[in-house]
Amino acid sequence: RNDSGEENVPLDLSREPSENLREILQNVAKSHGVSNMRKLGHLNNFIKLLCSIGHQEESFGFTYEEIIVCLRLALLNEAKEVRAAGLRALRYLIRDTNVLQKVLRLQVDYLISRCIDIQQSNEGERTQALRLVRKSHQNNPLGQQWCQCRRFVCLPGYL
């Protein structure tokens, strides 16, 4: 375990990216049998893998939609650390308007707006959600509206 409590999950970059991604997504998507700290380690490995291989969908072995569906499960986790890591993974995944449109079509924006709720003690999660909303706005400033996320970003006390 690391100082943060995250379980050390090794990432073998010599393996095929699709094999690594399959292992990561399977562990993130499992509802039982994988600890939250292990899920956190896998979500961090997702970002390392993405930075290592780039954003070529053909090297993933999965479509963006399949990846987004698995990552959105992290936003439903009871642990705020896992939700924050899921938001961070989505932020790294969204590189252009095409991926952003897929996120919106799968209605992940509603889950993101839940993470911004100030009534919870989830400052790290809220920070990741706001960073994701800002990044999406940079990628598509005049495009589709995020459900309620933009309202939260403008409210005093939410920044």
N, C-alpha and C. Protein backbone atom coordinates (compact mmCIF):
# COMPACT_ATOMS: atom_id res chain seq x y z
N ARG A 1 0.83 -1.19 0.00
CA ARG A 1 0.00 0.00 0.00
C ARG A 1 0.87 1.25 0.00
N ASN A 2 0.36 2.29 -0.63
CA ASN A 2 1.05 3.58 -0.62
C ASN A 2 0.62 4.37 0.60
N ASP A 3 1.23 5.53 0.81
CA ASP A 3 0.86 6.39 1.94
C ASP A 3 -0.61 6.81 1.88
N SER A 4 -1.16 6.93 0.67
CA SER A 4 -2.55 7.35 0.51
C SER A 4 -3.53 6.23 0.82
N GLY A 5 -3.03 5.01 1.04
CA GLY A 5 -3.90 3.88 1.29
C GLY A 5 -4.20 3.11 0.02
N GLU A 6 -3.82 3.66 -1.11
CA GLU A 6 -4.05 3.01 -2.40
C GLU A 6 -3.24 1.73 -2.46
N GLU A 7 -3.88 0.68 -2.93
CA GLU A 7 -3.19 -0.60 -3.06
C GLU A 7 -2.27 -0.53 -4.27
N ASN A 8 -1.05 -1.03 -4.12
CA ASN A 8 -0.09 -1.00 -5.21
C ASN A 8 -0.48 -2.07 -6.24
N VAL A 9 -0.95 -1.61 -7.39
CA VAL A 9 -1.36 -2.51 -8.47
C VAL A 9 -0.35 -2.34 -9.59
N PRO A 10 0.47 -3.37 -9.84
CA PRO A 10 1.50 -3.23 -10.88
C PRO A 10 0.89 -3.10 -12.27
N LEU A 11 1.56 -2.31 -13.10
CA LEU A 11 1.16 -2.13 -14.49
C LEU A 11 2.35 -2.53 -15.35
N ASP A 12 2.17 -3.57 -16.14
CA ASP A 12 3.24 -4.08 -17.01
C ASP A 12 3.06 -3.49 -18.40
N LEU A 13 3.82 -2.43 -18.69
CA LEU A 13 3.69 -1.75 -19.97
C LEU A 13 4.27 -2.55 -21.13
N SER A 14 4.93 -3.69 -20.83
CA SER A 14 5.43 -4.53 -21.92
C SER A 14 4.31 -5.42 -22.49
N ARG A 15 3.22 -5.55 -21.76
CA ARG A 15 2.05 -6.30 -22.25
C ARG A 15 1.33 -5.49 -23.32
N GLU A 16 0.49 -6.16 -24.06
CA GLU A 16 -0.35 -5.46 -25.04
C GLU A 16 -1.25 -4.47 -24.30
N PRO A 17 -1.40 -3.25 -24.82
CA PRO A 17 -2.28 -2.28 -24.17
C PRO A 17 -3.70 -2.80 -23.97
N SER A 18 -4.21 -3.55 -24.92
CA SER A 18 -5.58 -4.07 -24.80
C SER A 18 -5.70 -5.05 -23.62
N GLU A 19 -4.65 -5.83 -23.35
CA GLU A 19 -4.67 -6.74 -22.20
C GLU A 19 -4.67 -5.96 -20.89
N ASN A 20 -3.81 -4.94 -20.81
CA ASN A 20 -3.78 -4.09 -19.61
C ASN A 20 -5.13 -3.41 -19.41
N LEU A 21 -5.68 -2.87 -20.49
CA LEU A 21 -6.95 -2.15 -20.38
C LEU A 21 -8.07 -3.10 -19.97
N ARG A 22 -8.06 -4.31 -20.49
CA ARG A 22 -9.08 -5.30 -20.10
C ARG A 22 -9.02 -5.57 -18.59
N GLU A 23 -7.81 -5.78 -18.08
CA GLU A 23 -7.65 -6.03 -16.64
C GLU A 23 -8.13 -4.84 -15.82
N ILE A 24 -7.76 -3.65 -16.24
CA ILE A 24 -8.15 -2.43 -15.51
C ILE A 24 -9.67 -2.29 -15.49
N LEU A 25 -10.30 -2.37 -16.67
CA LEU A 25 -11.75 -2.16 -16.75
C LEU A 25 -12.53 -3.25 -16.03
N GLN A 26 -12.05 -4.50 -16.09
CA GLN A 26 -12.73 -5.58 -15.37
C GLN A 26 -12.72 -5.31 -13.87
N ASN A 27 -11.59 -4.86 -13.35
CA ASN A 27 -11.49 -4.62 -11.91
C ASN A 27 -12.27 -3.38 -11.48
N VAL A 28 -12.32 -2.37 -12.33
CA VAL A 28 -13.10 -1.18 -12.00
C VAL A 28 -14.60 -1.49 -12.02
N ALA A 29 -15.01 -2.35 -12.95
CA ALA A 29 -16.44 -2.64 -13.14
C ALA A 29 -17.00 -3.66 -12.15
N LYS A 30 -16.14 -4.44 -11.50
CA LYS A 30 -16.62 -5.47 -10.58
C LYS A 30 -17.28 -4.82 -9.37
N SER A 31 -18.46 -5.35 -9.02
CA SER A 31 -19.15 -4.81 -7.85
C SER A 31 -18.71 -5.51 -6.56
N HIS A 32 -18.19 -6.73 -6.66
CA HIS A 32 -17.74 -7.48 -5.48
C HIS A 32 -16.38 -8.10 -5.77
N GLY A 33 -15.61 -8.30 -4.71
CA GLY A 33 -14.35 -9.02 -4.84
C GLY A 33 -13.14 -8.14 -5.11
N VAL A 34 -13.35 -6.83 -5.30
CA VAL A 34 -12.23 -5.91 -5.52
C VAL A 34 -12.39 -4.77 -4.52
N SER A 35 -11.38 -4.56 -3.71
CA SER A 35 -11.46 -3.50 -2.71
C SER A 35 -11.44 -2.13 -3.38
N ASN A 36 -11.95 -1.15 -2.68
CA ASN A 36 -11.96 0.22 -3.21
C ASN A 36 -10.55 0.73 -3.45
N MET A 37 -9.62 0.36 -2.57
CA MET A 37 -8.24 0.83 -2.75
C MET A 37 -7.58 0.16 -3.96
N ARG A 38 -7.99 -1.05 -4.27
CA ARG A 38 -7.49 -1.72 -5.48
C ARG A 38 -8.09 -1.07 -6.72
N LYS A 39 -9.37 -0.71 -6.65
CA LYS A 39 -10.00 0.01 -7.76
C LYS A 39 -9.29 1.34 -8.00
N LEU A 40 -8.93 2.00 -6.91
CA LEU A 40 -8.20 3.26 -7.01
C LEU A 40 -6.87 3.05 -7.73
N GLY A 41 -6.17 1.99 -7.39
CA GLY A 41 -4.92 1.66 -8.06
C GLY A 41 -5.12 1.39 -9.55
N HIS A 42 -6.18 0.68 -9.88
CA HIS A 42 -6.46 0.39 -11.29
C HIS A 42 -6.83 1.66 -12.06
N LEU A 43 -7.59 2.56 -11.44
CA LEU A 43 -7.94 3.82 -12.11
C LEU A 43 -6.70 4.67 -12.36
N ASN A 44 -5.78 4.67 -11.41
CA ASN A 44 -4.52 5.39 -11.61
C ASN A 44 -3.69 4.73 -12.71
N ASN A 45 -3.74 3.40 -12.79
CA ASN A 45 -3.04 2.69 -13.86
C ASN A 45 -3.67 3.00 -15.22
N PHE A 46 -4.97 3.23 -15.25
CA PHE A 46 -5.63 3.60 -16.50
C PHE A 46 -5.01 4.89 -17.06
N ILE A 47 -4.79 5.85 -16.19
CA ILE A 47 -4.21 7.12 -16.61
C ILE A 47 -2.77 6.92 -17.08
N LYS A 48 -2.01 6.11 -16.35
CA LYS A 48 -0.63 5.82 -16.77
C LYS A 48 -0.62 5.15 -18.14
N LEU A 49 -1.52 4.20 -18.34
CA LEU A 49 -1.59 3.49 -19.62
C LEU A 49 -1.99 4.44 -20.74
N LEU A 50 -2.96 5.29 -20.48
CA LEU A 50 -3.41 6.25 -21.49
C LEU A 50 -2.28 7.21 -21.86
N CYS A 51 -1.53 7.67 -20.89
CA CYS A 51 -0.40 8.56 -21.17
C CYS A 51 0.70 7.83 -21.93
N SER A 52 0.81 6.54 -21.69
CA SER A 52 1.85 5.75 -22.34
C SER A 52 1.53 5.43 -23.81
N ILE A 53 0.27 5.08 -24.10
CA ILE A 53 -0.07 4.64 -25.46
C ILE A 53 -0.75 5.72 -26.29
N GLY A 54 -1.17 6.80 -25.67
CA GLY A 54 -1.86 7.84 -26.43
C GLY A 54 -3.34 7.53 -26.57
N HIS A 55 -3.97 8.24 -27.47
CA HIS A 55 -5.43 8.15 -27.61
C HIS A 55 -5.84 7.52 -28.94
N GLN A 56 -5.21 6.42 -29.29
CA GLN A 56 -5.57 5.72 -30.52
C GLN A 56 -6.53 4.60 -30.15
N GLU A 57 -7.79 4.80 -30.49
CA GLU A 57 -8.84 3.86 -30.10
C GLU A 57 -8.54 2.43 -30.57
N GLU A 58 -7.90 2.30 -31.72
CA GLU A 58 -7.61 0.97 -32.24
C GLU A 58 -6.62 0.20 -31.37
N SER A 59 -5.78 0.89 -30.60
CA SER A 59 -4.83 0.19 -29.73
C SER A 59 -5.46 -0.19 -28.38
N PHE A 60 -6.65 0.34 -28.09
CA PHE A 60 -7.31 0.04 -26.82
C PHE A 60 -7.88 -1.38 -26.78
N GLY A 61 -8.39 -1.84 -27.91
CA GLY A 61 -9.11 -3.11 -27.91
C GLY A 61 -10.54 -2.92 -27.45
N PHE A 62 -10.92 -1.69 -27.16
CA PHE A 62 -12.26 -1.33 -26.73
C PHE A 62 -12.65 -0.03 -27.42
N THR A 63 -13.94 0.19 -27.56
CA THR A 63 -14.40 1.48 -28.09
C THR A 63 -14.42 2.49 -26.94
N TYR A 64 -14.47 3.76 -27.29
CA TYR A 64 -14.58 4.79 -26.26
C TYR A 64 -15.85 4.57 -25.43
N GLU A 65 -16.94 4.19 -26.09
CA GLU A 65 -18.19 3.97 -25.36
C GLU A 65 -18.04 2.88 -24.30
N GLU A 66 -17.38 1.78 -24.65
CA GLU A 66 -17.19 0.70 -23.68
C GLU A 66 -16.34 1.16 -22.51
N ILE A 67 -15.33 1.95 -22.79
CA ILE A 67 -14.46 2.47 -21.72
C ILE A 67 -15.25 3.41 -20.82
N ILE A 68 -16.03 4.29 -21.41
CA ILE A 68 -16.81 5.26 -20.64
C ILE A 68 -17.84 4.56 -19.76
N VAL A 69 -18.49 3.53 -20.28
CA VAL A 69 -19.48 2.77 -19.50
C VAL A 69 -18.82 2.16 -18.27
N CYS A 70 -17.61 1.62 -18.41
CA CYS A 70 -16.91 1.05 -17.26
C CYS A 70 -16.46 2.14 -16.28
N LEU A 71 -15.95 3.24 -16.81
CA LEU A 71 -15.47 4.31 -15.93
C LEU A 71 -16.60 4.98 -15.16
N ARG A 72 -17.79 5.06 -15.78
CA ARG A 72 -18.88 5.72 -15.06
C ARG A 72 -19.33 4.92 -13.85
N LEU A 73 -19.04 3.62 -13.83
CA LEU A 73 -19.34 2.82 -12.63
C LEU A 73 -18.55 3.31 -11.43
N ALA A 74 -17.35 3.84 -11.67
CA ALA A 74 -16.55 4.38 -10.57
C ALA A 74 -17.24 5.59 -9.94
N LEU A 75 -18.03 6.32 -10.73
CA LEU A 75 -18.71 7.50 -10.20
C LEU A 75 -19.90 7.13 -9.30
N LEU A 76 -20.27 5.87 -9.30
CA LEU A 76 -21.35 5.38 -8.44
C LEU A 76 -20.82 4.69 -7.19
N ASN A 77 -19.51 4.61 -7.04
CA ASN A 77 -18.90 3.93 -5.90
C ASN A 77 -19.17 4.69 -4.61
N GLU A 78 -19.23 3.96 -3.49
CA GLU A 78 -19.50 4.61 -2.20
C GLU A 78 -18.29 5.39 -1.68
N ALA A 79 -17.10 5.06 -2.14
CA ALA A 79 -15.89 5.73 -1.66
C ALA A 79 -15.59 6.97 -2.50
N LYS A 80 -15.47 8.10 -1.84
CA LYS A 80 -15.23 9.35 -2.57
C LYS A 80 -13.89 9.34 -3.29
N GLU A 81 -12.90 8.59 -2.77
CA GLU A 81 -11.60 8.51 -3.43
C GLU A 81 -11.71 7.81 -4.79
N VAL A 82 -12.54 6.78 -4.84
CA VAL A 82 -12.75 6.05 -6.11
C VAL A 82 -13.51 6.94 -7.08
N ARG A 83 -14.51 7.66 -6.59
CA ARG A 83 -15.26 8.57 -7.47
C ARG A 83 -14.33 9.66 -8.02
N ALA A 84 -13.47 10.21 -7.17
CA ALA A 84 -12.53 11.24 -7.63
C ALA A 84 -11.56 10.67 -8.67
N ALA A 85 -11.09 9.45 -8.46
CA ALA A 85 -10.19 8.81 -9.43
C ALA A 85 -10.92 8.54 -10.74
N GLY A 86 -12.20 8.17 -10.66
CA GLY A 86 -13.00 7.97 -11.87
C GLY A 86 -13.16 9.26 -12.66
N LEU A 87 -13.39 10.35 -11.96
CA LEU A 87 -13.50 11.67 -12.62
C LEU A 87 -12.18 12.04 -13.29
N ARG A 88 -11.10 11.79 -12.59
CA ARG A 88 -9.77 12.10 -13.14
C ARG A 88 -9.51 11.26 -14.39
N ALA A 89 -9.88 9.98 -14.36
CA ALA A 89 -9.70 9.10 -15.52
C ALA A 89 -10.52 9.60 -16.71
N LEU A 90 -11.74 10.03 -16.46
CA LEU A 90 -12.57 10.58 -17.54
C LEU A 90 -11.95 11.85 -18.11
N ARG A 91 -11.41 12.68 -17.23
CA ARG A 91 -10.78 13.93 -17.68
C ARG A 91 -9.61 13.63 -18.61
N TYR A 92 -8.81 12.63 -18.27
CA TYR A 92 -7.69 12.27 -19.13
C TYR A 92 -8.17 11.64 -20.44
N LEU A 93 -9.30 10.94 -20.39
CA LEU A 93 -9.81 10.28 -21.59
C LEU A 93 -10.36 11.29 -22.60
N ILE A 94 -10.96 12.36 -22.10
CA ILE A 94 -11.59 13.35 -22.99
C ILE A 94 -10.49 14.24 -23.58
N ARG A 95 -10.18 14.00 -24.83
CA ARG A 95 -9.15 14.77 -25.53
C ARG A 95 -9.73 15.64 -26.63
N ASP A 96 -10.94 15.34 -27.07
CA ASP A 96 -11.53 16.10 -28.17
C ASP A 96 -13.05 16.06 -28.07
N THR A 97 -13.69 16.77 -28.96
CA THR A 97 -15.15 16.89 -28.97
C THR A 97 -15.81 15.54 -29.21
N ASN A 98 -15.18 14.69 -30.00
CA ASN A 98 -15.74 13.38 -30.31
C ASN A 98 -15.94 12.55 -29.04
N VAL A 99 -14.94 12.49 -28.19
CA VAL A 99 -15.04 11.72 -26.95
C VAL A 99 -16.02 12.41 -26.00
N LEU A 100 -15.98 13.72 -25.95
CA LEU A 100 -16.90 14.47 -25.09
C LEU A 100 -18.36 14.19 -25.48
N GLN A 101 -18.65 14.14 -26.76
CA GLN A 101 -20.01 13.86 -27.22
C GLN A 101 -20.45 12.47 -26.77
N LYS A 102 -19.55 11.52 -26.75
CA LYS A 102 -19.87 10.17 -26.30
C LYS A 102 -20.16 10.16 -24.80
N VAL A 103 -19.40 10.93 -24.05
CA VAL A 103 -19.66 11.05 -22.61
C VAL A 103 -21.04 11.64 -22.37
N LEU A 104 -21.40 12.67 -23.12
CA LEU A 104 -22.71 13.30 -22.97
C LEU A 104 -23.83 12.36 -23.40
N ARG A 105 -23.62 11.64 -24.49
CA ARG A 105 -24.64 10.72 -24.98
C ARG A 105 -24.92 9.60 -23.96
N LEU A 106 -23.90 9.20 -23.22
CA LEU A 106 -24.06 8.17 -22.20
C LEU A 106 -24.51 8.77 -20.85
N GLN A 107 -24.81 10.05 -20.84
CA GLN A 107 -25.37 10.78 -19.69
C GLN A 107 -24.49 10.73 -18.44
N VAL A 108 -23.19 10.76 -18.65
CA VAL A 108 -22.26 10.77 -17.53
C VAL A 108 -22.29 12.14 -16.83
N ASP A 109 -22.74 13.17 -17.54
CA ASP A 109 -22.79 14.51 -16.95
C ASP A 109 -23.68 14.55 -15.70
N TYR A 110 -24.72 13.73 -15.65
CA TYR A 110 -25.57 13.70 -14.47
C TYR A 110 -24.82 13.14 -13.26
N LEU A 111 -23.99 12.17 -13.50
CA LEU A 111 -23.19 11.61 -12.41
C LEU A 111 -22.12 12.60 -11.95
N ILE A 112 -21.58 13.35 -12.90
CA ILE A 112 -20.58 14.36 -12.56
C ILE A 112 -21.20 15.46 -11.71
N SER A 113 -22.42 15.86 -12.06
CA SER A 113 -23.07 16.92 -11.27
C SER A 113 -23.33 16.46 -9.84
N ARG A 114 -23.58 15.17 -9.63
CA ARG A 114 -23.73 14.64 -8.27
C ARG A 114 -22.44 14.79 -7.46
N CYS A 115 -21.32 14.67 -8.14
CA CYS A 115 -20.02 14.76 -7.46
C CYS A 115 -19.69 16.19 -7.03
N ILE A 116 -20.37 17.15 -7.63
CA ILE A 116 -20.11 18.56 -7.32
C ILE A 116 -20.90 19.03 -6.10
N ASP A 117 -21.85 18.25 -5.67
CA ASP A 117 -22.72 18.63 -4.57
C ASP A 117 -21.91 19.07 -3.36
N ILE A 118 -22.15 20.29 -2.90
CA ILE A 118 -21.37 20.86 -1.79
C ILE A 118 -21.85 20.35 -0.42
N GLN A 119 -22.98 19.66 -0.39
CA GLN A 119 -23.50 19.18 0.88
C GLN A 119 -22.68 18.02 1.44
N GLN A 120 -21.88 17.42 0.62
CA GLN A 120 -21.06 16.30 1.06
C GLN A 120 -19.66 16.80 1.39
N SER A 121 -18.94 16.06 2.22
CA SER A 121 -17.55 16.43 2.50
C SER A 121 -16.67 15.68 1.52
N ASN A 122 -16.59 16.21 0.32
CA ASN A 122 -15.91 15.52 -0.77
C ASN A 122 -15.09 16.50 -1.60
N GLU A 123 -14.25 17.27 -0.95
CA GLU A 123 -13.53 18.34 -1.64
C GLU A 123 -12.65 17.84 -2.78
N GLY A 124 -11.95 16.71 -2.59
CA GLY A 124 -11.11 16.17 -3.65
C GLY A 124 -11.94 15.73 -4.85
N GLU A 125 -13.05 15.10 -4.56
CA GLU A 125 -13.96 14.67 -5.63
C GLU A 125 -14.54 15.87 -6.37
N ARG A 126 -14.97 16.87 -5.62
CA ARG A 126 -15.54 18.08 -6.22
C ARG A 126 -14.49 18.78 -7.10
N THR A 127 -13.26 18.83 -6.63
CA THR A 127 -12.18 19.45 -7.41
C THR A 127 -12.00 18.73 -8.74
N GLN A 128 -11.98 17.39 -8.71
CA GLN A 128 -11.83 16.62 -9.95
C GLN A 128 -13.03 16.84 -10.88
N ALA A 129 -14.23 16.92 -10.31
CA ALA A 129 -15.43 17.15 -11.13
C ALA A 129 -15.36 18.52 -11.80
N LEU A 130 -14.96 19.54 -11.05
CA LEU A 130 -14.86 20.88 -11.63
C LEU A 130 -13.79 20.96 -12.70
N ARG A 131 -12.68 20.27 -12.49
CA ARG A 131 -11.63 20.24 -13.52
C ARG A 131 -12.15 19.58 -14.79
N LEU A 132 -12.93 18.52 -14.63
CA LEU A 132 -13.49 17.83 -15.78
C LEU A 132 -14.49 18.72 -16.52
N VAL A 133 -15.33 19.43 -15.79
CA VAL A 133 -16.29 20.34 -16.43
C VAL A 133 -15.56 21.45 -17.17
N ARG A 134 -14.54 22.00 -16.55
CA ARG A 134 -13.77 23.06 -17.22
C ARG A 134 -13.08 22.55 -18.48
N LYS A 135 -12.53 21.35 -18.40
CA LYS A 135 -11.87 20.77 -19.57
C LYS A 135 -12.87 20.53 -20.69
N SER A 136 -14.05 20.04 -20.33
CA SER A 136 -15.07 19.80 -21.36
C SER A 136 -15.52 21.11 -21.99
N HIS A 137 -15.57 22.15 -21.21
CA HIS A 137 -15.94 23.45 -21.75
C HIS A 137 -14.86 23.95 -22.72
N GLN A 138 -13.60 23.70 -22.42
CA GLN A 138 -12.51 24.08 -23.33
C GLN A 138 -12.60 23.32 -24.64
N ASN A 139 -12.99 22.03 -24.58
CA ASN A 139 -13.09 21.21 -25.78
C ASN A 139 -14.33 21.51 -26.60
N ASN A 140 -15.36 22.06 -25.99
CA ASN A 140 -16.63 22.25 -26.69
C ASN A 140 -17.40 23.43 -26.09
N PRO A 141 -16.85 24.65 -26.15
CA PRO A 141 -17.47 25.77 -25.44
C PRO A 141 -18.85 26.15 -25.95
N LEU A 142 -19.14 25.92 -27.20
CA LEU A 142 -20.43 26.32 -27.75
C LEU A 142 -21.34 25.13 -28.03
N GLY A 143 -20.91 23.94 -27.68
CA GLY A 143 -21.66 22.73 -27.97
C GLY A 143 -22.73 22.46 -26.94
N GLN A 144 -23.06 21.19 -26.81
CA GLN A 144 -24.13 20.78 -25.90
C GLN A 144 -23.85 21.23 -24.48
N GLN A 145 -24.91 21.54 -23.78
CA GLN A 145 -24.81 21.96 -22.39
C GLN A 145 -24.66 20.74 -21.48
N TRP A 146 -23.85 20.87 -20.48
CA TRP A 146 -23.80 19.86 -19.43
C TRP A 146 -24.99 20.13 -18.53
N CYS A 147 -25.71 19.12 -18.13
CA CYS A 147 -26.96 19.26 -17.40
C CYS A 147 -26.94 20.42 -16.41
N GLN A 148 -26.45 20.21 -15.22
CA GLN A 148 -26.45 21.27 -14.20
C GLN A 148 -25.04 21.70 -13.84
N CYS A 149 -24.07 21.10 -14.45
CA CYS A 149 -22.68 21.33 -14.04
C CYS A 149 -22.26 22.78 -14.20
N ARG A 150 -22.65 23.39 -15.28
CA ARG A 150 -22.23 24.77 -15.50
C ARG A 150 -22.79 25.71 -14.44
N ARG A 151 -24.00 25.44 -13.97
CA ARG A 151 -24.58 26.27 -12.92
C ARG A 151 -23.74 26.19 -11.65
N PHE A 152 -23.29 25.00 -11.31
CA PHE A 152 -22.49 24.83 -10.09
C PHE A 152 -21.17 25.57 -10.17
N VAL A 153 -20.56 25.56 -11.34
CA VAL A 153 -19.27 26.21 -11.51
C VAL A 153 -19.39 27.70 -11.29
N CYS A 154 -20.56 28.27 -11.58
CA CYS A 154 -20.76 29.72 -11.46
C CYS A 154 -21.19 30.14 -10.06
N LEU A 155 -21.64 29.23 -9.23
CA LEU A 155 -22.13 29.59 -7.90
C LEU A 155 -21.00 29.90 -6.94
N PRO A 156 -21.14 30.95 -6.12
CA PRO A 156 -20.11 31.24 -5.12
C PRO A 156 -20.01 30.08 -4.13
N GLY A 157 -18.81 29.79 -3.71
CA GLY A 157 -18.60 28.72 -2.75
C GLY A 157 -18.33 27.38 -3.39
N TYR A 158 -18.52 27.27 -4.69
CA TYR A 158 -18.28 26.00 -5.36
C TYR A 158 -16.91 25.93 -5.98
N LEU A 159 -16.20 27.02 -6.02
CA LEU A 159 -14.88 27.01 -6.64
C LEU A 159 -13.80 26.82 -5.62
